[in-house]
Structures are given as C-alpha cells and as structure tokens.
C-alpha atoms as a PDB file:
ATOM      1  CA  UNK A   1     -26.892 -28.825  -9.098  1.00  0.00           C
ATOM      2  CA  UNK A   2     -26.079 -27.737  -5.572  1.00  0.00           C
ATOM      3  CA  UNK A   3     -22.529 -27.432  -4.269  1.00  0.00           C
ATOM      4  CA  UNK A   4     -22.057 -28.128  -0.595  1.00  0.00           C
ATOM      5  CA  UNK A   5     -18.880 -26.869   1.033  1.00  0.00           C
ATOM      6  CA  UNK A   6     -17.675 -28.480   4.199  1.00  0.00           C
ATOM      7  CA  UNK A   7     -15.993 -26.487   6.959  1.00  0.00           C
ATOM      8  CA  UNK A   8     -12.461 -27.123   5.614  1.00  0.00           C
ATOM      9  CA  UNK A   9     -13.320 -25.774   2.153  1.00  0.00           C
ATOM     10  CA  UNK A  10     -14.860 -22.624   3.655  1.00  0.00           C
ATOM     11  CA  UNK A  11     -11.777 -22.100   5.809  1.00  0.00           C
ATOM     12  CA  UNK A  12      -9.439 -22.442   2.799  1.00  0.00           C
ATOM     13  CA  UNK A  13     -11.436 -19.903   0.769  1.00  0.00           C
ATOM     14  CA  UNK A  14     -11.429 -17.443   3.652  1.00  0.00           C
ATOM     15  CA  UNK A  15      -7.641 -17.575   4.080  1.00  0.00           C
ATOM     16  CA  UNK A  16      -6.771 -17.041   0.407  1.00  0.00           C
ATOM     17  CA  UNK A  17      -5.701 -13.528  -0.454  1.00  0.00           C
ATOM     18  CA  UNK A  18      -6.233 -12.032  -3.894  1.00  0.00           C
ATOM     19  CA  UNK A  19      -2.879 -10.268  -3.610  1.00  0.00           C
ATOM     20  CA  UNK A  20       0.363 -12.143  -4.114  1.00  0.00           C
ATOM     21  CA  UNK A  21       2.839  -9.885  -2.362  1.00  0.00           C
ATOM     22  CA  UNK A  22       5.464 -12.621  -2.077  1.00  0.00           C
ATOM     23  CA  UNK A  23       7.129 -11.382  -5.271  1.00  0.00           C
ATOM     24  CA  UNK A  24       7.755  -8.043  -3.530  1.00  0.00           C
ATOM     25  CA  UNK A  25       9.469  -9.511  -0.437  1.00  0.00           C
ATOM     26  CA  UNK A  26      12.829  -7.763   0.156  1.00  0.00           C
ATOM     27  CA  UNK A  27      11.982  -5.161  -2.506  1.00  0.00           C
ATOM     28  CA  UNK A  28      11.096  -1.490  -1.986  1.00  0.00           C
ATOM     29  CA  UNK A  29       7.378  -0.685  -2.121  1.00  0.00           C
ATOM     30  CA  UNK A  30       5.252   2.426  -1.620  1.00  0.00           C
ATOM     31  CA  UNK A  31       2.094   2.297   0.492  1.00  0.00           C
ATOM     32  CA  UNK A  32      -0.782   4.782   0.692  1.00  0.00           C
ATOM     33  CA  UNK A  33      -3.075   4.776   3.711  1.00  0.00           C
ATOM     34  CA  UNK A  34      -6.554   5.999   4.523  1.00  0.00           C
ATOM     35  CA  UNK A  35      -6.322   9.618   5.558  1.00  0.00           C
ATOM     36  CA  UNK A  36      -3.657  10.432   2.975  1.00  0.00           C
ATOM     37  CA  UNK A  37      -0.416   9.261   4.605  1.00  0.00           C
ATOM     38  CA  UNK A  38       2.228   7.696   2.375  1.00  0.00           C
ATOM     39  CA  UNK A  39       5.301   5.669   3.203  1.00  0.00           C
ATOM     40  CA  UNK A  40       7.895   3.570   1.432  1.00  0.00           C
ATOM     41  CA  UNK A  41      10.163   0.824   2.640  1.00  0.00           C
ATOM     42  CA  UNK A  42      11.439  -2.684   1.994  1.00  0.00           C
ATOM     43  CA  UNK A  43       8.684  -5.293   2.373  1.00  0.00           C
ATOM     44  CA  UNK A  44       9.787  -7.875   4.951  1.00  0.00           C
ATOM     45  CA  UNK A  45       6.504  -9.677   5.526  1.00  0.00           C
ATOM     46  CA  UNK A  46       2.718  -9.678   5.204  1.00  0.00           C
ATOM     47  CA  UNK A  47      -0.332 -11.716   6.137  1.00  0.00           C
ATOM     48  CA  UNK A  48      -3.738 -12.441   4.506  1.00  0.00           C
ATOM     49  CA  UNK A  49      -5.216  -9.325   6.143  1.00  0.00           C
ATOM     50  CA  UNK A  50      -2.572  -7.197   4.343  1.00  0.00           C
ATOM     51  CA  UNK A  51      -0.794  -6.274   7.555  1.00  0.00           C
ATOM     52  CA  UNK A  52       2.661  -5.303   6.272  1.00  0.00           C
ATOM     53  CA  UNK A  53       6.109  -5.274   7.849  1.00  0.00           C
ATOM     54  CA  UNK A  54       8.343  -2.633   6.250  1.00  0.00           C
ATOM     55  CA  UNK A  55      12.018  -1.977   7.029  1.00  0.00           C
ATOM     56  CA  UNK A  56      13.887   1.253   6.395  1.00  0.00           C
ATOM     57  CA  UNK A  57      10.544   3.038   6.206  1.00  0.00           C
ATOM     58  CA  UNK A  58      10.286   6.668   5.147  1.00  0.00           C
ATOM     59  CA  UNK A  59       7.068   8.641   5.660  1.00  0.00           C
ATOM     60  CA  UNK A  60       6.353  11.406   3.167  1.00  0.00           C
ATOM     61  CA  UNK A  61       5.081  14.446   5.044  1.00  0.00           C
ATOM     62  CA  UNK A  62       1.950  16.313   3.978  1.00  0.00           C
ATOM     63  CA  UNK A  63       1.400  20.018   3.469  1.00  0.00           C
ATOM     64  CA  UNK A  64      -0.202  21.488   6.636  1.00  0.00           C
ATOM     65  CA  UNK A  65      -2.426  23.731   4.481  1.00  0.00           C
ATOM     66  CA  UNK A  66      -3.546  20.979   2.076  1.00  0.00           C
ATOM     67  CA  UNK A  67      -3.532  17.509   3.687  1.00  0.00           C
ATOM     68  CA  UNK A  68      -3.815  15.770   0.290  1.00  0.00           C
ATOM     69  CA  UNK A  69      -0.623  17.381  -1.025  1.00  0.00           C
ATOM     70  CA  UNK A  70       2.796  15.891  -0.222  1.00  0.00           C
ATOM     71  CA  UNK A  71       5.814  18.061   0.521  1.00  0.00           C
ATOM     72  CA  UNK A  72       9.505  17.309  -0.030  1.00  0.00           C
ATOM     73  CA  UNK A  73       9.898  16.664   3.717  1.00  0.00           C
ATOM     74  CA  UNK A  74      10.327  13.083   4.912  1.00  0.00           C
ATOM     75  CA  UNK A  75      10.570  11.329   8.268  1.00  0.00           C
ATOM     76  CA  UNK A  76      12.645   8.210   8.945  1.00  0.00           C
ATOM     77  CA  UNK A  77      10.564   5.554  10.745  1.00  0.00           C
ATOM     78  CA  UNK A  78      12.741   2.432  10.447  1.00  0.00           C
ATOM     79  CA  UNK A  79      11.022  -0.938  11.038  1.00  0.00           C
ATOM     80  CA  UNK A  80       7.214  -0.601  11.120  1.00  0.00           C
ATOM     81  CA  UNK A  81       4.086  -2.755  11.047  1.00  0.00           C
ATOM     82  CA  UNK A  82       1.337  -1.294   8.845  1.00  0.00           C
ATOM     83  CA  UNK A  83      -2.200  -2.307   9.739  1.00  0.00           C
ATOM     84  CA  UNK A  84      -3.897  -3.882   6.732  1.00  0.00           C
ATOM     85  CA  UNK A  85      -7.296  -2.262   7.302  1.00  0.00           C
ATOM     86  CA  UNK A  86      -5.801   1.193   6.672  1.00  0.00           C
ATOM     87  CA  UNK A  87      -3.864   0.259   3.500  1.00  0.00           C
ATOM     88  CA  UNK A  88      -5.386   1.769   0.365  1.00  0.00           C
ATOM     89  CA  UNK A  89      -2.669   1.176  -2.241  1.00  0.00           C
ATOM     90  CA  UNK A  90       0.501  -0.882  -2.544  1.00  0.00           C
ATOM     91  CA  UNK A  91       2.846  -0.413  -5.489  1.00  0.00           C
ATOM     92  CA  UNK A  92       6.482  -1.179  -6.302  1.00  0.00           C
ATOM     93  CA  UNK A  93       8.846   1.738  -5.738  1.00  0.00           C
ATOM     94  CA  UNK A  94      10.716   1.015  -8.976  1.00  0.00           C
ATOM     95  CA  UNK A  95       9.061   2.395 -12.081  1.00  0.00           C
ATOM     96  CA  UNK A  96       6.562   4.537 -10.185  1.00  0.00           C
ATOM     97  CA  UNK A  97       6.140   8.085 -11.395  1.00  0.00           C
ATOM     98  CA  UNK A  98       3.512  10.767 -10.978  1.00  0.00           C
ATOM     99  CA  UNK A  99       1.554  11.652 -14.106  1.00  0.00           C
ATOM    100  CA  UNK A 100      -0.773  14.577 -14.770  1.00  0.00           C
ATOM    101  CA  UNK A 101      -4.453  13.885 -14.193  1.00  0.00           C
ATOM    102  CA  UNK A 102      -5.854  12.843 -17.612  1.00  0.00           C
ATOM    103  CA  UNK A 103      -9.392  13.830 -16.588  1.00  0.00           C
ATOM    104  CA  UNK A 104      -8.631  17.502 -16.023  1.00  0.00           C
ATOM    105  CA  UNK A 105      -8.858  19.533 -19.203  1.00  0.00           C
ATOM    106  CA  UNK A 106      -5.692  21.500 -19.842  1.00  0.00           C
ATOM    107  CA  UNK A 107      -6.209  25.200 -20.519  1.00  0.00           C
ATOM    108  CA  UNK A 108      -4.222  26.707 -23.389  1.00  0.00           C
ATOM    109  CA  UNK A 109      -1.957  29.668 -22.803  1.00  0.00           C
END
C-alpha cells in the first residue's frame, strides 16, 4: 500500500517541531550552545527552528585556559535572540544540578 502525501501534508510535517517549549514560556531556562557558551534567562518566545528569545539573560563566562570549564564570572546580556542552529541543549533552570561524571572511575585515597 502506497501513501501519497499532497503538498499541504508535507508542509504540515515540515513545520512540526519535536520540542514543545510552550510549557517553558515565562520560566527560567538554561541554554548551551555550540562552542561551549552557556546562558540562562526567561524564555519569552521560540519558533520551529528553535530560535529563542530570552529576557534577563546571563552568560556564564568560560575559563580562558580551559574553554570547556565555566568560571564563577557572569555577564548580564538582557534581552537576546538565540539562533536555533547553535543551540545544543535546553533545560529548565529549576531542579538543574551538576553531577559527577558516572563514566570516570573514582580513584580511592
């Protein structure tokens, strides 16, 4: 049995996003980007390409010696638009905590 999709059906499938970020509107989220940058802010809007609008945005600065390591320093950015193609991870700010890497064997003493 062959399924034939007309142009409208193809257009609907293309526009659907697998992420439902609407439940995070007006809530604080944390975003990680390609290249290692991280920021947090209140999600004000988004589109199917995962372009994000964040308000009250704070960027977490990286260690100049180790670009993958964050420092305690932050930078206030305010209202920003984050390009969806550079977004790697989106998570709620509440309930997020860093855990030790479970794949690294701990050495005793």
